[in-house]
Amino acid sequence: MTDDTDRPPKPFRQFVERYPEVANAYEQLGVAVRKGPLNEREVALVKLALSVGARIEGGTHAHTRKALAANIEPKALEQVAVLGCPTLGFPHMMTALSWIRDVTQASD
């Protein structure tokens, strides 16, 4: 059985099948914006933090998966949410923490 935590959710896979040119352009944009001084780990943590701050559940799930694939430990991912507490507020921090754990604890 395949572990679905390491691949995009079904709606995104369906989007890619239906709109491959748009999906390819989106992917190329992602490649282009990653060019710069940040390393893979830093990019993964920043992207996760942006998703948390923007309150995007799907993005938080996706960037948690990508960070895990970049060998970033779950404890570091949780710290991203906890760091948001003074800026975003305790309730939002708890929500973000639960979104991260949706992915990191999916196999528990």
PDB file of N, CA and C in Angstrom:
ATOM      1  N   MET A   1       0.842  -1.185   0.000  1.00  0.00           N
ATOM      2  CA  MET A   1       0.000   0.000   0.000  1.00  0.00           C
ATOM      3  C   MET A   1       0.884   1.244   0.000  1.00  0.00           C
ATOM      4  N   THR A   2       0.526   2.255  -0.783  1.00  0.00           N
ATOM      5  CA  THR A   2       1.304   3.476  -0.905  1.00  0.00           C
ATOM      6  C   THR A   2       0.960   4.442   0.217  1.00  0.00           C
ATOM      7  N   ASP A   3       1.984   5.101   0.754  1.00  0.00           N
ATOM      8  CA  ASP A   3       1.799   6.125   1.772  1.00  0.00           C
ATOM      9  C   ASP A   3       1.444   7.428   1.074  1.00  0.00           C
ATOM     10  N   ASP A   4       0.207   7.901   1.223  1.00  0.00           N
ATOM     11  CA  ASP A   4      -0.255   9.098   0.530  1.00  0.00           C
ATOM     12  C   ASP A   4       0.257  10.390   1.147  1.00  0.00           C
ATOM     13  N   THR A   5       0.972  10.325   2.284  1.00  0.00           N
ATOM     14  CA  THR A   5       1.447  11.562   2.902  1.00  0.00           C
ATOM     15  C   THR A   5       2.581  12.193   2.116  1.00  0.00           C
ATOM     16  N   ASP A   6       3.207  11.456   1.195  1.00  0.00           N
ATOM     17  CA  ASP A   6       4.336  12.009   0.456  1.00  0.00           C
ATOM     18  C   ASP A   6       3.963  12.455  -0.957  1.00  0.00           C
ATOM     19  N   ARG A   7       2.696  12.492  -1.278  1.00  0.00           N
ATOM     20  CA  ARG A   7       2.289  12.944  -2.603  1.00  0.00           C
ATOM     21  C   ARG A   7       1.130  13.924  -2.489  1.00  0.00           C
ATOM     22  N   PRO A   8       0.940  14.743  -3.526  1.00  0.00           N
ATOM     23  CA  PRO A   8      -0.123  15.750  -3.468  1.00  0.00           C
ATOM     24  C   PRO A   8      -1.502  15.108  -3.313  1.00  0.00           C
ATOM     25  N   PRO A   9      -2.442  15.854  -2.751  1.00  0.00           N
ATOM     26  CA  PRO A   9      -3.798  15.319  -2.591  1.00  0.00           C
ATOM     27  C   PRO A   9      -4.478  15.114  -3.951  1.00  0.00           C
ATOM     28  N   LYS A  10      -5.492  14.282  -3.926  1.00  0.00           N
ATOM     29  CA  LYS A  10      -6.210  13.913  -5.144  1.00  0.00           C
ATOM     30  C   LYS A  10      -6.712  15.116  -5.941  1.00  0.00           C
ATOM     31  N   PRO A  11      -7.300  16.152  -5.318  1.00  0.00           N
ATOM     32  CA  PRO A  11      -7.766  17.286  -6.130  1.00  0.00           C
ATOM     33  C   PRO A  11      -6.634  17.950  -6.933  1.00  0.00           C
ATOM     34  N   PHE A  12      -5.441  18.028  -6.350  1.00  0.00           N
ATOM     35  CA  PHE A  12      -4.332  18.621  -7.086  1.00  0.00           C
ATOM     36  C   PHE A  12      -3.886  17.710  -8.220  1.00  0.00           C
ATOM     37  N   ARG A  13      -3.827  16.411  -7.974  1.00  0.00           N
ATOM     38  CA  ARG A  13      -3.453  15.462  -9.030  1.00  0.00           C
ATOM     39  C   ARG A  13      -4.459  15.526 -10.180  1.00  0.00           C
ATOM     40  N   GLN A  14      -5.738  15.670  -9.855  1.00  0.00           N
ATOM     41  CA  GLN A  14      -6.768  15.792 -10.893  1.00  0.00           C
ATOM     42  C   GLN A  14      -6.600  17.092 -11.676  1.00  0.00           C
ATOM     43  N   PHE A  15      -6.251  18.171 -10.974  1.00  0.00           N
ATOM     44  CA  PHE A  15      -5.999  19.447 -11.639  1.00  0.00           C
ATOM     45  C   PHE A  15      -4.859  19.296 -12.646  1.00  0.00           C
ATOM     46  N   VAL A  16      -3.777  18.639 -12.231  1.00  0.00           N
ATOM     47  CA  VAL A  16      -2.626  18.434 -13.110  1.00  0.00           C
ATOM     48  C   VAL A  16      -3.028  17.643 -14.352  1.00  0.00           C
ATOM     49  N   GLU A  17      -3.868  16.632 -14.172  1.00  0.00           N
ATOM     50  CA  GLU A  17      -4.326  15.840 -15.318  1.00  0.00           C
ATOM     51  C   GLU A  17      -5.184  16.665 -16.273  1.00  0.00           C
ATOM     52  N   ARG A  18      -6.037  17.505 -15.713  1.00  0.00           N
ATOM     53  CA  ARG A  18      -6.970  18.268 -16.548  1.00  0.00           C
ATOM     54  C   ARG A  18      -6.328  19.505 -17.179  1.00  0.00           C
ATOM     55  N   TYR A  19      -5.402  20.137 -16.449  1.00  0.00           N
ATOM     56  CA  TYR A  19      -4.775  21.370 -16.920  1.00  0.00           C
ATOM     57  C   TYR A  19      -3.249  21.257 -16.870  1.00  0.00           C
ATOM     58  N   PRO A  20      -2.677  20.362 -17.648  1.00  0.00           N
ATOM     59  CA  PRO A  20      -1.231  20.123 -17.551  1.00  0.00           C
ATOM     60  C   PRO A  20      -0.382  21.352 -17.885  1.00  0.00           C
ATOM     61  N   GLU A  21      -0.807  22.179 -18.816  1.00  0.00           N
ATOM     62  CA  GLU A  21      -0.018  23.364 -19.161  1.00  0.00           C
ATOM     63  C   GLU A  21       0.008  24.370 -18.015  1.00  0.00           C
ATOM     64  N   VAL A  22      -1.122  24.557 -17.350  1.00  0.00           N
ATOM     65  CA  VAL A  22      -1.183  25.470 -16.212  1.00  0.00           C
ATOM     66  C   VAL A  22      -0.350  24.896 -15.061  1.00  0.00           C
ATOM     67  N   ALA A  23      -0.486  23.609 -14.822  1.00  0.00           N
ATOM     68  CA  ALA A  23       0.281  22.968 -13.756  1.00  0.00           C
ATOM     69  C   ALA A  23       1.778  23.081 -14.023  1.00  0.00           C
ATOM     70  N   ASN A  24       2.179  22.907 -15.274  1.00  0.00           N
ATOM     71  CA  ASN A  24       3.595  23.026 -15.624  1.00  0.00           C
ATOM     72  C   ASN A  24       4.091  24.456 -15.403  1.00  0.00           C
ATOM     73  N   ALA A  25       3.291  25.443 -15.802  1.00  0.00           N
ATOM     74  CA  ALA A  25       3.675  26.846 -15.595  1.00  0.00           C
ATOM     75  C   ALA A  25       3.805  27.150 -14.105  1.00  0.00           C
ATOM     76  N   TYR A  26       2.892  26.635 -13.320  1.00  0.00           N
ATOM     77  CA  TYR A  26       2.928  26.815 -11.869  1.00  0.00           C
ATOM     78  C   TYR A  26       4.191  26.183 -11.284  1.00  0.00           C
ATOM     79  N   GLU A  27       4.510  24.991 -11.745  1.00  0.00           N
ATOM     80  CA  GLU A  27       5.719  24.304 -11.278  1.00  0.00           C
ATOM     81  C   GLU A  27       6.971  25.097 -11.657  1.00  0.00           C
ATOM     82  N   GLN A  28       7.017  25.624 -12.874  1.00  0.00           N
ATOM     83  CA  GLN A  28       8.173  26.409 -13.312  1.00  0.00           C
ATOM     84  C   GLN A  28       8.325  27.694 -12.499  1.00  0.00           C
ATOM     85  N   LEU A  29       7.206  28.301 -12.123  1.00  0.00           N
ATOM     86  CA  LEU A  29       7.254  29.471 -11.251  1.00  0.00           C
ATOM     87  C   LEU A  29       7.893  29.099  -9.920  1.00  0.00           C
ATOM     88  N   GLY A  30       7.488  27.955  -9.377  1.00  0.00           N
ATOM     89  CA  GLY A  30       8.072  27.487  -8.116  1.00  0.00           C
ATOM     90  C   GLY A  30       9.568  27.270  -8.214  1.00  0.00           C
ATOM     91  N   VAL A  31      10.015  26.730  -9.334  1.00  0.00           N
ATOM     92  CA  VAL A  31      11.453  26.518  -9.553  1.00  0.00           C
ATOM     93  C   VAL A  31      12.162  27.874  -9.620  1.00  0.00           C
ATOM     94  N   ALA A  32      11.587  28.813 -10.339  1.00  0.00           N
ATOM     95  CA  ALA A  32      12.220  30.121 -10.525  1.00  0.00           C
ATOM     96  C   ALA A  32      12.369  30.879  -9.212  1.00  0.00           C
ATOM     97  N   VAL A  33      11.342  30.865  -8.369  1.00  0.00           N
ATOM     98  CA  VAL A  33      11.419  31.647  -7.131  1.00  0.00           C
ATOM     99  C   VAL A  33      12.352  31.025  -6.100  1.00  0.00           C
ATOM    100  N   ARG A  34      12.695  29.748  -6.267  1.00  0.00           N
ATOM    101  CA  ARG A  34      13.609  29.097  -5.332  1.00  0.00           C
ATOM    102  C   ARG A  34      15.077  29.436  -5.605  1.00  0.00           C
ATOM    103  N   LYS A  35      15.342  30.043  -6.752  1.00  0.00           N
ATOM    104  CA  LYS A  35      16.725  30.417  -7.090  1.00  0.00           C
ATOM    105  C   LYS A  35      17.130  31.613  -6.242  1.00  0.00           C
ATOM    106  N   GLY A  36      18.167  31.435  -5.464  1.00  0.00           N
ATOM    107  CA  GLY A  36      18.627  32.508  -4.587  1.00  0.00           C
ATOM    108  C   GLY A  36      19.513  31.953  -3.497  1.00  0.00           C
ATOM    109  N   PRO A  37      19.794  32.747  -2.498  1.00  0.00           N
ATOM    110  CA  PRO A  37      20.759  32.343  -1.479  1.00  0.00           C
ATOM    111  C   PRO A  37      20.249  31.346  -0.432  1.00  0.00           C
ATOM    112  N   LEU A  38      18.945  31.131  -0.350  1.00  0.00           N
ATOM    113  CA  LEU A  38      18.428  30.209   0.664  1.00  0.00           C
ATOM    114  C   LEU A  38      18.661  28.764   0.232  1.00  0.00           C
ATOM    115  N   ASN A  39      19.017  27.932   1.196  1.00  0.00           N
ATOM    116  CA  ASN A  39      19.183  26.507   0.886  1.00  0.00           C
ATOM    117  C   ASN A  39      17.830  25.808   0.946  1.00  0.00           C
ATOM    118  N   GLU A  40      17.803  24.521   0.595  1.00  0.00           N
ATOM    119  CA  GLU A  40      16.549  23.762   0.520  1.00  0.00           C
ATOM    120  C   GLU A  40      15.812  23.752   1.860  1.00  0.00           C
ATOM    121  N   ARG A  41      16.539  23.571   2.945  1.00  0.00           N
ATOM    122  CA  ARG A  41      15.923  23.550   4.279  1.00  0.00           C
ATOM    123  C   ARG A  41      15.280  24.899   4.601  1.00  0.00           C
ATOM    124  N   GLU A  42      16.010  25.974   4.345  1.00  0.00           N
ATOM    125  CA  GLU A  42      15.486  27.308   4.631  1.00  0.00           C
ATOM    126  C   GLU A  42      14.250  27.605   3.790  1.00  0.00           C
ATOM    127  N   VAL A  43      14.294  27.248   2.526  1.00  0.00           N
ATOM    128  CA  VAL A  43      13.135  27.465   1.646  1.00  0.00           C
ATOM    129  C   VAL A  43      11.926  26.701   2.177  1.00  0.00           C
ATOM    130  N   ALA A  44      12.122  25.450   2.565  1.00  0.00           N
ATOM    131  CA  ALA A  44      11.014  24.633   3.061  1.00  0.00           C
ATOM    132  C   ALA A  44      10.397  25.247   4.312  1.00  0.00           C
ATOM    133  N   LEU A  45      11.222  25.742   5.220  1.00  0.00           N
ATOM    134  CA  LEU A  45      10.708  26.344   6.454  1.00  0.00           C
ATOM    135  C   LEU A  45      10.000  27.668   6.178  1.00  0.00           C
ATOM    136  N   VAL A  46      10.541  28.468   5.268  1.00  0.00           N
ATOM    137  CA  VAL A  46       9.894  29.737   4.917  1.00  0.00           C
ATOM    138  C   VAL A  46       8.543  29.476   4.263  1.00  0.00           C
ATOM    139  N   LYS A  47       8.497  28.532   3.320  1.00  0.00           N
ATOM    140  CA  LYS A  47       7.235  28.227   2.640  1.00  0.00           C
ATOM    141  C   LYS A  47       6.182  27.724   3.637  1.00  0.00           C
ATOM    142  N   LEU A  48       6.610  26.911   4.597  1.00  0.00           N
ATOM    143  CA  LEU A  48       5.687  26.449   5.631  1.00  0.00           C
ATOM    144  C   LEU A  48       5.203  27.633   6.465  1.00  0.00           C
ATOM    145  N   ALA A  49       6.118  28.504   6.862  1.00  0.00           N
ATOM    146  CA  ALA A  49       5.737  29.660   7.671  1.00  0.00           C
ATOM    147  C   ALA A  49       4.767  30.574   6.922  1.00  0.00           C
ATOM    148  N   LEU A  50       4.988  30.761   5.631  1.00  0.00           N
ATOM    149  CA  LEU A  50       4.068  31.588   4.846  1.00  0.00           C
ATOM    150  C   LEU A  50       2.674  30.975   4.800  1.00  0.00           C
ATOM    151  N   SER A  51       2.599  29.671   4.640  1.00  0.00           N
ATOM    152  CA  SER A  51       1.297  28.989   4.619  1.00  0.00           C
ATOM    153  C   SER A  51       0.601  29.104   5.958  1.00  0.00           C
ATOM    154  N   VAL A  52       1.376  28.948   7.028  1.00  0.00           N
ATOM    155  CA  VAL A  52       0.813  29.087   8.386  1.00  0.00           C
ATOM    156  C   VAL A  52       0.288  30.505   8.583  1.00  0.00           C
ATOM    157  N   GLY A  53       1.112  31.497   8.257  1.00  0.00           N
ATOM    158  CA  GLY A  53       0.724  32.890   8.458  1.00  0.00           C
ATOM    159  C   GLY A  53      -0.468  33.310   7.623  1.00  0.00           C
ATOM    160  N   ALA A  54      -0.576  32.744   6.424  1.00  0.00           N
ATOM    161  CA  ALA A  54      -1.705  33.069   5.544  1.00  0.00           C
ATOM    162  C   ALA A  54      -2.948  32.241   5.874  1.00  0.00           C
ATOM    163  N   ARG A  55      -2.809  31.340   6.825  1.00  0.00           N
ATOM    164  CA  ARG A  55      -3.919  30.484   7.269  1.00  0.00           C
ATOM    165  C   ARG A  55      -4.454  29.606   6.143  1.00  0.00           C
ATOM    166  N   ILE A  56      -3.513  28.998   5.411  1.00  0.00           N
ATOM    167  CA  ILE A  56      -3.874  28.141   4.295  1.00  0.00           C
ATOM    168  C   ILE A  56      -3.656  26.683   4.716  1.00  0.00           C
ATOM    169  N   GLU A  57      -4.733  25.998   5.021  1.00  0.00           N
ATOM    170  CA  GLU A  57      -4.635  24.621   5.513  1.00  0.00           C
ATOM    171  C   GLU A  57      -3.971  23.703   4.494  1.00  0.00           C
ATOM    172  N   GLY A  58      -4.444  23.733   3.250  1.00  0.00           N
ATOM    173  CA  GLY A  58      -3.872  22.872   2.221  1.00  0.00           C
ATOM    174  C   GLY A  58      -2.400  23.162   1.989  1.00  0.00           C
ATOM    175  N   GLY A  59      -2.046  24.450   1.993  1.00  0.00           N
ATOM    176  CA  GLY A  59      -0.648  24.833   1.825  1.00  0.00           C
ATOM    177  C   GLY A  59       0.204  24.373   2.992  1.00  0.00           C
ATOM    178  N   THR A  60      -0.338  24.460   4.194  1.00  0.00           N
ATOM    179  CA  THR A  60       0.394  23.988   5.373  1.00  0.00           C
ATOM    180  C   THR A  60       0.613  22.490   5.280  1.00  0.00           C
ATOM    181  N   HIS A  61      -0.400  21.758   4.875  1.00  0.00           N
ATOM    182  CA  HIS A  61      -0.236  20.308   4.681  1.00  0.00           C
ATOM    183  C   HIS A  61       0.833  20.033   3.622  1.00  0.00           C
ATOM    184  N   ALA A  62       0.732  20.719   2.478  1.00  0.00           N
ATOM    185  CA  ALA A  62       1.665  20.480   1.373  1.00  0.00           C
ATOM    186  C   ALA A  62       3.099  20.817   1.774  1.00  0.00           C
ATOM    187  N   HIS A  63       3.285  21.947   2.423  1.00  0.00           N
ATOM    188  CA  HIS A  63       4.646  22.346   2.776  1.00  0.00           C
ATOM    189  C   HIS A  63       5.194  21.535   3.944  1.00  0.00           C
ATOM    190  N   THR A  64       4.319  20.978   4.760  1.00  0.00           N
ATOM    191  CA  THR A  64       4.780  20.032   5.774  1.00  0.00           C
ATOM    192  C   THR A  64       5.300  18.774   5.096  1.00  0.00           C
ATOM    193  N   ARG A  65       4.559  18.264   4.119  1.00  0.00           N
ATOM    194  CA  ARG A  65       5.029  17.083   3.372  1.00  0.00           C
ATOM    195  C   ARG A  65       6.363  17.357   2.690  1.00  0.00           C
ATOM    196  N   LYS A  66       6.475  18.518   2.059  1.00  0.00           N
ATOM    197  CA  LYS A  66       7.712  18.862   1.354  1.00  0.00           C
ATOM    198  C   LYS A  66       8.881  19.020   2.323  1.00  0.00           C
ATOM    199  N   ALA A  67       8.615  19.587   3.483  1.00  0.00           N
ATOM    200  CA  ALA A  67       9.676  19.742   4.480  1.00  0.00           C
ATOM    201  C   ALA A  67      10.126  18.381   5.007  1.00  0.00           C
ATOM    202  N   LEU A  68       9.193  17.487   5.226  1.00  0.00           N
ATOM    203  CA  LEU A  68       9.564  16.133   5.655  1.00  0.00           C
ATOM    204  C   LEU A  68      10.395  15.447   4.584  1.00  0.00           C
ATOM    205  N   ALA A  69      10.032  15.655   3.319  1.00  0.00           N
ATOM    206  CA  ALA A  69      10.800  15.076   2.216  1.00  0.00           C
ATOM    207  C   ALA A  69      12.205  15.663   2.150  1.00  0.00           C
ATOM    208  N   ALA A  70      12.372  16.890   2.671  1.00  0.00           N
ATOM    209  CA  ALA A  70      13.691  17.539   2.725  1.00  0.00           C
ATOM    210  C   ALA A  70      14.429  17.156   4.009  1.00  0.00           C
ATOM    211  N   ASN A  71      13.927  16.135   4.698  1.00  0.00           N
ATOM    212  CA  ASN A  71      14.541  15.613   5.926  1.00  0.00           C
ATOM    213  C   ASN A  71      14.544  16.599   7.087  1.00  0.00           C
ATOM    214  N   ILE A  72      13.525  17.443   7.133  1.00  0.00           N
ATOM    215  CA  ILE A  72      13.372  18.339   8.282  1.00  0.00           C
ATOM    216  C   ILE A  72      12.525  17.608   9.315  1.00  0.00           C
ATOM    217  N   GLU A  73      13.012  17.578  10.529  1.00  0.00           N
ATOM    218  CA  GLU A  73      12.360  16.809  11.582  1.00  0.00           C
ATOM    219  C   GLU A  73      11.031  17.457  12.000  1.00  0.00           C
ATOM    220  N   PRO A  74      10.050  16.631  12.367  1.00  0.00           N
ATOM    221  CA  PRO A  74       8.740  17.146  12.771  1.00  0.00           C
ATOM    222  C   PRO A  74       8.810  18.186  13.885  1.00  0.00           C
ATOM    223  N   LYS A  75       9.737  18.030  14.823  1.00  0.00           N
ATOM    224  CA  LYS A  75       9.846  18.989  15.923  1.00  0.00           C
ATOM    225  C   LYS A  75      10.163  20.393  15.389  1.00  0.00           C
ATOM    226  N   ALA A  76      11.002  20.483  14.350  1.00  0.00           N
ATOM    227  CA  ALA A  76      11.315  21.784  13.747  1.00  0.00           C
ATOM    228  C   ALA A  76      10.091  22.367  13.050  1.00  0.00           C
ATOM    229  N   LEU A  77       9.294  21.512  12.430  1.00  0.00           N
ATOM    230  CA  LEU A  77       8.085  21.984  11.755  1.00  0.00           C
ATOM    231  C   LEU A  77       7.077  22.516  12.769  1.00  0.00           C
ATOM    232  N   GLU A  78       6.968  21.826  13.894  1.00  0.00           N
ATOM    233  CA  GLU A  78       6.076  22.310  14.948  1.00  0.00           C
ATOM    234  C   GLU A  78       6.557  23.656  15.488  1.00  0.00           C
ATOM    235  N   GLN A  79       7.879  23.841  15.563  1.00  0.00           N
ATOM    236  CA  GLN A  79       8.393  25.115  16.050  1.00  0.00           C
ATOM    237  C   GLN A  79       7.982  26.260  15.145  1.00  0.00           C
ATOM    238  N   VAL A  80       7.855  26.002  13.849  1.00  0.00           N
ATOM    239  CA  VAL A  80       7.386  27.039  12.927  1.00  0.00           C
ATOM    240  C   VAL A  80       6.025  27.543  13.389  1.00  0.00           C
ATOM    241  N   ALA A  81       5.134  26.630  13.737  1.00  0.00           N
ATOM    242  CA  ALA A  81       3.807  27.043  14.219  1.00  0.00           C
ATOM    243  C   ALA A  81       3.914  27.772  15.551  1.00  0.00           C
ATOM    244  N   VAL A  82       4.694  27.238  16.465  1.00  0.00           N
ATOM    245  CA  VAL A  82       4.819  27.833  17.804  1.00  0.00           C
ATOM    246  C   VAL A  82       5.414  29.235  17.726  1.00  0.00           C
ATOM    247  N   LEU A  83       6.358  29.444  16.808  1.00  0.00           N
ATOM    248  CA  LEU A  83       6.942  30.778  16.635  1.00  0.00           C
ATOM    249  C   LEU A  83       5.889  31.812  16.233  1.00  0.00           C
ATOM    250  N   GLY A  84       4.804  31.351  15.622  1.00  0.00           N
ATOM    251  CA  GLY A  84       3.745  32.265  15.216  1.00  0.00           C
ATOM    252  C   GLY A  84       2.860  32.734  16.353  1.00  0.00           C
ATOM    253  N   CYS A  85       2.972  32.143  17.513  1.00  0.00           N
ATOM    254  CA  CYS A  85       2.071  32.461  18.624  1.00  0.00           C
ATOM    255  C   CYS A  85       2.018  33.958  18.950  1.00  0.00           C
ATOM    256  N   PRO A  86       3.158  34.638  19.185  1.00  0.00           N
ATOM    257  CA  PRO A  86       3.051  36.054  19.543  1.00  0.00           C
ATOM    258  C   PRO A  86       2.582  36.942  18.388  1.00  0.00           C
ATOM    259  N   THR A  87       2.811  36.521  17.164  1.00  0.00           N
ATOM    260  CA  THR A  87       2.439  37.329  16.002  1.00  0.00           C
ATOM    261  C   THR A  87       1.020  37.046  15.534  1.00  0.00           C
ATOM    262  N   LEU A  88       0.675  35.759  15.470  1.00  0.00           N
ATOM    263  CA  LEU A  88      -0.610  35.349  14.914  1.00  0.00           C
ATOM    264  C   LEU A  88      -1.684  35.117  15.975  1.00  0.00           C
ATOM    265  N   GLY A  89      -1.265  34.864  17.194  1.00  0.00           N
ATOM    266  CA  GLY A  89      -2.188  34.581  18.282  1.00  0.00           C
ATOM    267  C   GLY A  89      -2.239  33.101  18.612  1.00  0.00           C
ATOM    268  N   PHE A  90      -2.560  32.815  19.866  1.00  0.00           N
ATOM    269  CA  PHE A  90      -2.580  31.443  20.356  1.00  0.00           C
ATOM    270  C   PHE A  90      -3.562  30.551  19.601  1.00  0.00           C
ATOM    271  N   PRO A  91      -4.808  30.976  19.376  1.00  0.00           N
ATOM    272  CA  PRO A  91      -5.732  30.085  18.660  1.00  0.00           C
ATOM    273  C   PRO A  91      -5.247  29.713  17.263  1.00  0.00           C
ATOM    274  N   HIS A  92      -4.714  30.703  16.533  1.00  0.00           N
ATOM    275  CA  HIS A  92      -4.227  30.392  15.189  1.00  0.00           C
ATOM    276  C   HIS A  92      -3.004  29.487  15.255  1.00  0.00           C
ATOM    277  N   MET A  93      -2.133  29.711  16.227  1.00  0.00           N
ATOM    278  CA  MET A  93      -0.966  28.850  16.395  1.00  0.00           C
ATOM    279  C   MET A  93      -1.404  27.406  16.647  1.00  0.00           C
ATOM    280  N   MET A  94      -2.404  27.220  17.467  1.00  0.00           N
ATOM    281  CA  MET A  94      -2.892  25.872  17.753  1.00  0.00           C
ATOM    282  C   MET A  94      -3.491  25.222  16.503  1.00  0.00           C
ATOM    283  N   THR A  95      -4.194  26.004  15.710  1.00  0.00           N
ATOM    284  CA  THR A  95      -4.745  25.484  14.460  1.00  0.00           C
ATOM    285  C   THR A  95      -3.629  25.054  13.525  1.00  0.00           C
ATOM    286  N   ALA A  96      -2.618  25.908  13.366  1.00  0.00           N
ATOM    287  CA  ALA A  96      -1.490  25.579  12.488  1.00  0.00           C
ATOM    288  C   ALA A  96      -0.753  24.341  12.988  1.00  0.00           C
ATOM    289  N   LEU A  97      -0.586  24.243  14.284  1.00  0.00           N
ATOM    290  CA  LEU A  97       0.066  23.075  14.868  1.00  0.00           C
ATOM    291  C   LEU A  97      -0.721  21.806  14.540  1.00  0.00           C
ATOM    292  N   SER A  98      -2.043  21.901  14.584  1.00  0.00           N
ATOM    293  CA  SER A  98      -2.861  20.726  14.256  1.00  0.00           C
ATOM    294  C   SER A  98      -2.744  20.367  12.779  1.00  0.00           C
ATOM    295  N   TRP A  99      -2.622  21.370  11.901  1.00  0.00           N
ATOM    296  CA  TRP A  99      -2.457  21.094  10.468  1.00  0.00           C
ATOM    297  C   TRP A  99      -1.126  20.400  10.201  1.00  0.00           C
ATOM    298  N   ILE A 100      -0.082  20.842  10.879  1.00  0.00           N
ATOM    299  CA  ILE A 100       1.229  20.200  10.729  1.00  0.00           C
ATOM    300  C   ILE A 100       1.156  18.764  11.226  1.00  0.00           C
ATOM    301  N   ARG A 101       0.517  18.580  12.367  1.00  0.00           N
ATOM    302  CA  ARG A 101       0.396  17.221  12.920  1.00  0.00           C
ATOM    303  C   ARG A 101      -0.499  16.318  12.084  1.00  0.00           C
ATOM    304  N   ASP A 102      -1.434  16.896  11.318  1.00  0.00           N
ATOM    305  CA  ASP A 102      -2.237  16.088  10.393  1.00  0.00           C
ATOM    306  C   ASP A 102      -1.307  15.259   9.500  1.00  0.00           C
ATOM    307  N   VAL A 103      -0.206  15.856   9.106  1.00  0.00           N
ATOM    308  CA  VAL A 103       0.738  15.206   8.201  1.00  0.00           C
ATOM    309  C   VAL A 103       1.785  14.409   8.966  1.00  0.00           C
ATOM    310  N   THR A 104       2.388  15.027   9.976  1.00  0.00           N
ATOM    311  CA  THR A 104       3.495  14.364  10.680  1.00  0.00           C
ATOM    312  C   THR A 104       3.042  13.156  11.492  1.00  0.00           C
ATOM    313  N   GLN A 105       1.798  13.155  11.906  1.00  0.00           N
ATOM    314  CA  GLN A 105       1.296  12.049  12.721  1.00  0.00           C
ATOM    315  C   GLN A 105       0.346  11.154  11.941  1.00  0.00           C
ATOM    316  N   ALA A 106       0.280  11.312  10.627  1.00  0.00           N
ATOM    317  CA  ALA A 106      -0.646  10.526   9.808  1.00  0.00           C
ATOM    318  C   ALA A 106      -0.349   9.035   9.871  1.00  0.00           C
ATOM    319  N   SER A 107       0.899   8.695  10.063  1.00  0.00           N
ATOM    320  CA  SER A 107       1.258   7.267  10.096  1.00  0.00           C
ATOM    321  C   SER A 107       1.197   6.685  11.495  1.00  0.00           C
ATOM    322  N   ASP A 108       0.900   7.520  12.509  1.00  0.00           N
ATOM    323  CA  ASP A 108       0.816   7.004  13.897  1.00  0.00           C
ATOM    324  C   ASP A 108      -0.414   6.148  14.104  1.00  0.00           C
TER     325      ASP A 108
END
